[in-house]
N, C-alpha and C. Protein backbone atom coordinates (compact mmCIF):
# COMPACT_ATOMS: atom_id res chain seq x y z
N UNK A 1 19.56 26.91 6.33
CA UNK A 1 20.82 26.23 6.40
C UNK A 1 20.67 24.87 5.74
N UNK A 2 21.53 24.59 4.80
CA UNK A 2 21.51 23.32 4.09
C UNK A 2 22.89 22.68 4.18
N UNK A 3 22.94 21.51 4.74
CA UNK A 3 24.20 20.81 4.89
C UNK A 3 24.25 19.68 3.86
N UNK A 4 25.20 19.74 2.96
CA UNK A 4 25.36 18.69 1.96
C UNK A 4 26.38 17.70 2.47
N UNK A 5 25.99 16.43 2.47
CA UNK A 5 26.82 15.39 3.03
C UNK A 5 27.09 14.34 1.96
N UNK A 6 28.33 13.92 1.88
CA UNK A 6 28.68 12.83 0.99
C UNK A 6 28.45 11.53 1.74
N UNK A 7 27.39 10.81 1.39
CA UNK A 7 27.04 9.60 2.13
C UNK A 7 28.04 8.48 1.89
N UNK A 8 28.86 8.57 0.86
CA UNK A 8 29.84 7.51 0.58
C UNK A 8 30.99 7.53 1.59
N UNK A 9 31.26 8.68 2.20
CA UNK A 9 32.34 8.76 3.18
C UNK A 9 31.98 8.08 4.49
N UNK A 10 30.74 8.23 4.93
CA UNK A 10 30.30 7.64 6.20
C UNK A 10 28.97 6.95 5.96
N UNK A 11 29.00 5.78 5.34
CA UNK A 11 27.77 5.11 4.94
C UNK A 11 26.99 4.50 6.11
N UNK A 12 27.59 4.40 7.27
CA UNK A 12 26.84 3.89 8.42
C UNK A 12 25.98 4.98 9.06
N UNK A 13 26.44 6.21 8.98
CA UNK A 13 25.69 7.31 9.58
C UNK A 13 24.69 7.91 8.59
N UNK A 14 25.11 8.06 7.35
CA UNK A 14 24.23 8.59 6.30
C UNK A 14 24.00 7.48 5.29
N UNK A 15 22.81 6.98 5.24
CA UNK A 15 22.53 5.83 4.38
C UNK A 15 21.89 6.26 3.07
N UNK A 16 22.08 5.44 2.06
CA UNK A 16 21.40 5.61 0.79
C UNK A 16 20.80 4.28 0.41
N UNK A 17 19.57 4.19 0.07
CA UNK A 17 18.58 5.26 -0.05
C UNK A 17 18.20 5.83 1.32
N UNK A 18 17.68 7.02 1.30
CA UNK A 18 17.36 7.75 2.52
C UNK A 18 16.29 7.00 3.31
N UNK A 19 16.51 6.89 4.62
CA UNK A 19 15.53 6.20 5.47
C UNK A 19 14.17 6.86 5.36
N UNK A 20 13.16 6.01 5.27
CA UNK A 20 11.80 6.50 5.16
C UNK A 20 11.34 6.68 3.74
N UNK A 21 12.24 6.60 2.77
CA UNK A 21 11.83 6.75 1.37
C UNK A 21 11.17 5.44 0.90
N UNK A 22 10.53 5.51 -0.23
CA UNK A 22 9.82 4.35 -0.76
C UNK A 22 10.79 3.22 -1.12
N UNK A 23 11.92 3.59 -1.70
CA UNK A 23 12.93 2.59 -2.07
C UNK A 23 13.50 1.90 -0.83
N UNK A 24 13.74 2.68 0.23
CA UNK A 24 14.25 2.12 1.47
C UNK A 24 13.25 1.16 2.09
N UNK A 25 11.96 1.50 2.03
CA UNK A 25 10.92 0.64 2.59
C UNK A 25 10.89 -0.70 1.87
N UNK A 26 11.05 -0.70 0.54
CA UNK A 26 11.05 -1.96 -0.21
C UNK A 26 12.24 -2.83 0.18
N UNK A 27 13.42 -2.22 0.31
CA UNK A 27 14.60 -2.97 0.70
C UNK A 27 14.45 -3.51 2.11
N UNK A 28 13.89 -2.71 3.01
CA UNK A 28 13.72 -3.13 4.40
C UNK A 28 12.70 -4.26 4.51
N UNK A 29 11.66 -4.23 3.68
CA UNK A 29 10.68 -5.31 3.69
C UNK A 29 11.31 -6.63 3.29
N UNK A 30 12.23 -6.59 2.32
CA UNK A 30 12.94 -7.81 1.92
C UNK A 30 13.80 -8.31 3.07
N UNK A 31 14.43 -7.39 3.77
CA UNK A 31 15.30 -7.77 4.88
C UNK A 31 14.50 -8.45 5.99
N UNK A 32 13.33 -7.94 6.31
CA UNK A 32 12.55 -8.54 7.38
C UNK A 32 12.05 -9.92 6.99
N UNK A 33 11.73 -10.15 5.71
CA UNK A 33 11.29 -11.48 5.30
C UNK A 33 12.44 -12.47 5.37
N UNK A 34 13.65 -12.03 5.05
CA UNK A 34 14.82 -12.90 5.15
C UNK A 34 15.10 -13.23 6.61
N UNK A 35 14.95 -12.24 7.49
CA UNK A 35 15.17 -12.48 8.92
C UNK A 35 14.15 -13.48 9.46
N UNK A 36 12.91 -13.40 8.99
CA UNK A 36 11.90 -14.37 9.41
C UNK A 36 12.27 -15.78 8.96
N UNK A 37 12.77 -15.89 7.74
CA UNK A 37 13.19 -17.19 7.20
C UNK A 37 14.35 -17.75 8.01
N UNK A 38 15.34 -16.91 8.32
CA UNK A 38 16.47 -17.35 9.14
C UNK A 38 16.01 -17.79 10.52
N UNK A 39 15.06 -17.07 11.09
CA UNK A 39 14.55 -17.42 12.40
C UNK A 39 13.86 -18.79 12.37
N UNK A 40 13.08 -19.05 11.33
CA UNK A 40 12.42 -20.35 11.22
C UNK A 40 13.43 -21.47 11.05
N UNK A 41 14.48 -21.22 10.28
CA UNK A 41 15.51 -22.24 10.11
C UNK A 41 16.20 -22.55 11.43
N UNK A 42 16.45 -21.53 12.23
CA UNK A 42 17.13 -21.74 13.51
C UNK A 42 16.22 -22.37 14.55
N UNK A 43 14.98 -21.90 14.64
CA UNK A 43 14.08 -22.37 15.69
C UNK A 43 13.50 -23.76 15.41
N UNK A 44 13.00 -23.96 14.19
CA UNK A 44 12.28 -25.19 13.90
C UNK A 44 13.14 -26.29 13.28
N UNK A 45 14.19 -25.92 12.56
CA UNK A 45 15.01 -26.91 11.87
C UNK A 45 16.40 -27.05 12.45
N UNK A 46 16.66 -26.38 13.56
CA UNK A 46 17.89 -26.56 14.34
C UNK A 46 19.16 -26.28 13.53
N UNK A 47 19.12 -25.25 12.70
CA UNK A 47 20.28 -24.91 11.89
C UNK A 47 21.42 -24.31 12.72
N UNK A 48 21.10 -23.68 13.82
CA UNK A 48 22.14 -23.05 14.63
C UNK A 48 22.88 -24.03 15.54
N UNK A 49 22.49 -25.29 15.54
CA UNK A 49 23.11 -26.28 16.43
C UNK A 49 23.61 -27.47 15.61
N UNK A 50 24.57 -27.22 14.71
CA UNK A 50 25.10 -28.29 13.87
C UNK A 50 26.14 -29.10 14.64
N UNK A 51 26.13 -30.41 14.44
CA UNK A 51 27.04 -31.30 15.14
C UNK A 51 28.08 -31.93 14.21
N UNK A 52 28.19 -31.44 12.99
CA UNK A 52 29.16 -31.99 12.06
C UNK A 52 30.29 -30.99 11.85
N UNK A 53 31.44 -31.50 11.45
CA UNK A 53 32.58 -30.61 11.23
C UNK A 53 32.79 -30.41 9.74
N UNK A 54 33.20 -29.21 9.39
CA UNK A 54 33.49 -28.91 8.00
C UNK A 54 32.44 -28.03 7.36
N UNK A 55 32.92 -27.15 6.51
CA UNK A 55 32.02 -26.21 5.83
C UNK A 55 31.10 -26.94 4.85
N UNK A 56 31.62 -27.93 4.15
CA UNK A 56 30.82 -28.64 3.14
C UNK A 56 29.63 -29.35 3.80
N UNK A 57 29.88 -29.99 4.95
CA UNK A 57 28.78 -30.67 5.64
C UNK A 57 27.76 -29.68 6.19
N UNK A 58 28.25 -28.57 6.72
CA UNK A 58 27.34 -27.56 7.26
C UNK A 58 26.51 -26.93 6.14
N UNK A 59 27.14 -26.70 5.00
CA UNK A 59 26.42 -26.11 3.87
C UNK A 59 25.35 -27.07 3.35
N UNK A 60 25.69 -28.35 3.23
CA UNK A 60 24.70 -29.32 2.75
C UNK A 60 23.55 -29.46 3.75
N UNK A 61 23.86 -29.40 5.05
CA UNK A 61 22.83 -29.48 6.08
C UNK A 61 21.89 -28.27 5.99
N UNK A 62 22.47 -27.08 5.80
CA UNK A 62 21.66 -25.86 5.70
C UNK A 62 20.80 -25.89 4.44
N UNK A 63 21.36 -26.38 3.33
CA UNK A 63 20.58 -26.46 2.09
C UNK A 63 19.44 -27.46 2.21
N UNK A 64 19.68 -28.58 2.87
CA UNK A 64 18.59 -29.54 3.11
C UNK A 64 17.50 -28.93 4.00
N UNK A 65 17.90 -28.15 4.98
CA UNK A 65 16.92 -27.46 5.83
C UNK A 65 16.12 -26.45 5.02
N UNK A 66 16.77 -25.75 4.10
CA UNK A 66 16.04 -24.80 3.25
C UNK A 66 15.02 -25.51 2.36
N UNK A 67 15.43 -26.65 1.80
CA UNK A 67 14.50 -27.43 0.97
C UNK A 67 13.32 -27.90 1.81
N UNK A 68 13.58 -28.33 3.03
CA UNK A 68 12.51 -28.77 3.93
C UNK A 68 11.55 -27.63 4.25
N UNK A 69 12.10 -26.45 4.50
CA UNK A 69 11.26 -25.29 4.81
C UNK A 69 10.38 -24.92 3.61
N UNK A 70 10.94 -24.94 2.41
CA UNK A 70 10.17 -24.62 1.21
C UNK A 70 9.11 -25.68 0.95
N UNK A 71 9.46 -26.96 1.12
CA UNK A 71 8.49 -28.04 0.90
C UNK A 71 7.33 -27.93 1.89
N UNK A 72 7.64 -27.61 3.13
CA UNK A 72 6.58 -27.43 4.13
C UNK A 72 5.66 -26.27 3.80
N UNK A 73 6.25 -25.18 3.31
CA UNK A 73 5.44 -24.02 2.93
C UNK A 73 4.53 -24.35 1.75
N UNK A 74 5.06 -25.07 0.77
CA UNK A 74 4.24 -25.47 -0.38
C UNK A 74 3.11 -26.39 0.05
N UNK A 75 3.41 -27.33 0.95
CA UNK A 75 2.38 -28.26 1.43
C UNK A 75 1.26 -27.52 2.16
N UNK A 76 1.63 -26.58 3.00
CA UNK A 76 0.61 -25.83 3.75
C UNK A 76 -0.24 -24.98 2.82
N UNK A 77 0.40 -24.30 1.88
CA UNK A 77 -0.35 -23.45 0.95
C UNK A 77 -1.23 -24.27 0.02
N UNK A 78 -0.78 -25.45 -0.39
CA UNK A 78 -1.60 -26.32 -1.24
C UNK A 78 -2.81 -26.82 -0.46
N UNK A 79 -2.61 -27.19 0.79
CA UNK A 79 -3.72 -27.67 1.62
C UNK A 79 -4.74 -26.55 1.85
N UNK A 80 -4.27 -25.33 2.03
CA UNK A 80 -5.19 -24.21 2.22
C UNK A 80 -5.99 -23.94 0.95
N UNK A 81 -5.34 -24.00 -0.21
CA UNK A 81 -6.05 -23.72 -1.46
C UNK A 81 -7.06 -24.82 -1.78
N UNK A 82 -6.75 -26.06 -1.40
CA UNK A 82 -7.69 -27.16 -1.64
C UNK A 82 -8.89 -27.03 -0.72
N UNK A 83 -8.67 -26.66 0.53
CA UNK A 83 -9.77 -26.54 1.48
C UNK A 83 -10.67 -25.36 1.17
N UNK A 84 -10.11 -24.27 0.61
CA UNK A 84 -10.96 -23.12 0.28
C UNK A 84 -11.71 -23.35 -1.02
N UNK A 85 -11.20 -24.20 -1.92
CA UNK A 85 -11.87 -24.47 -3.18
C UNK A 85 -13.03 -25.46 -2.99
N UNK A 86 -12.96 -26.29 -1.95
CA UNK A 86 -13.99 -27.30 -1.74
C UNK A 86 -15.22 -26.75 -1.09
């Protein structure tokens, strides 16, 4: 018995690419890294608790937090590479 399903009709129940496939694994890995980044922004940089009003202020605050997160990551990785080279 073979059931052919049009995944475009019900994309929440039948997903493309197929779960467990190599392409799906690559997409899912990207999603988990983005979720980790969002979690760090919320936990360590207090992005989820903004005290300013307006989308423009919130966007600039979030972008500054992203820059801070990237700068911290670069600093840590540079310090690690210097300590392992010495």
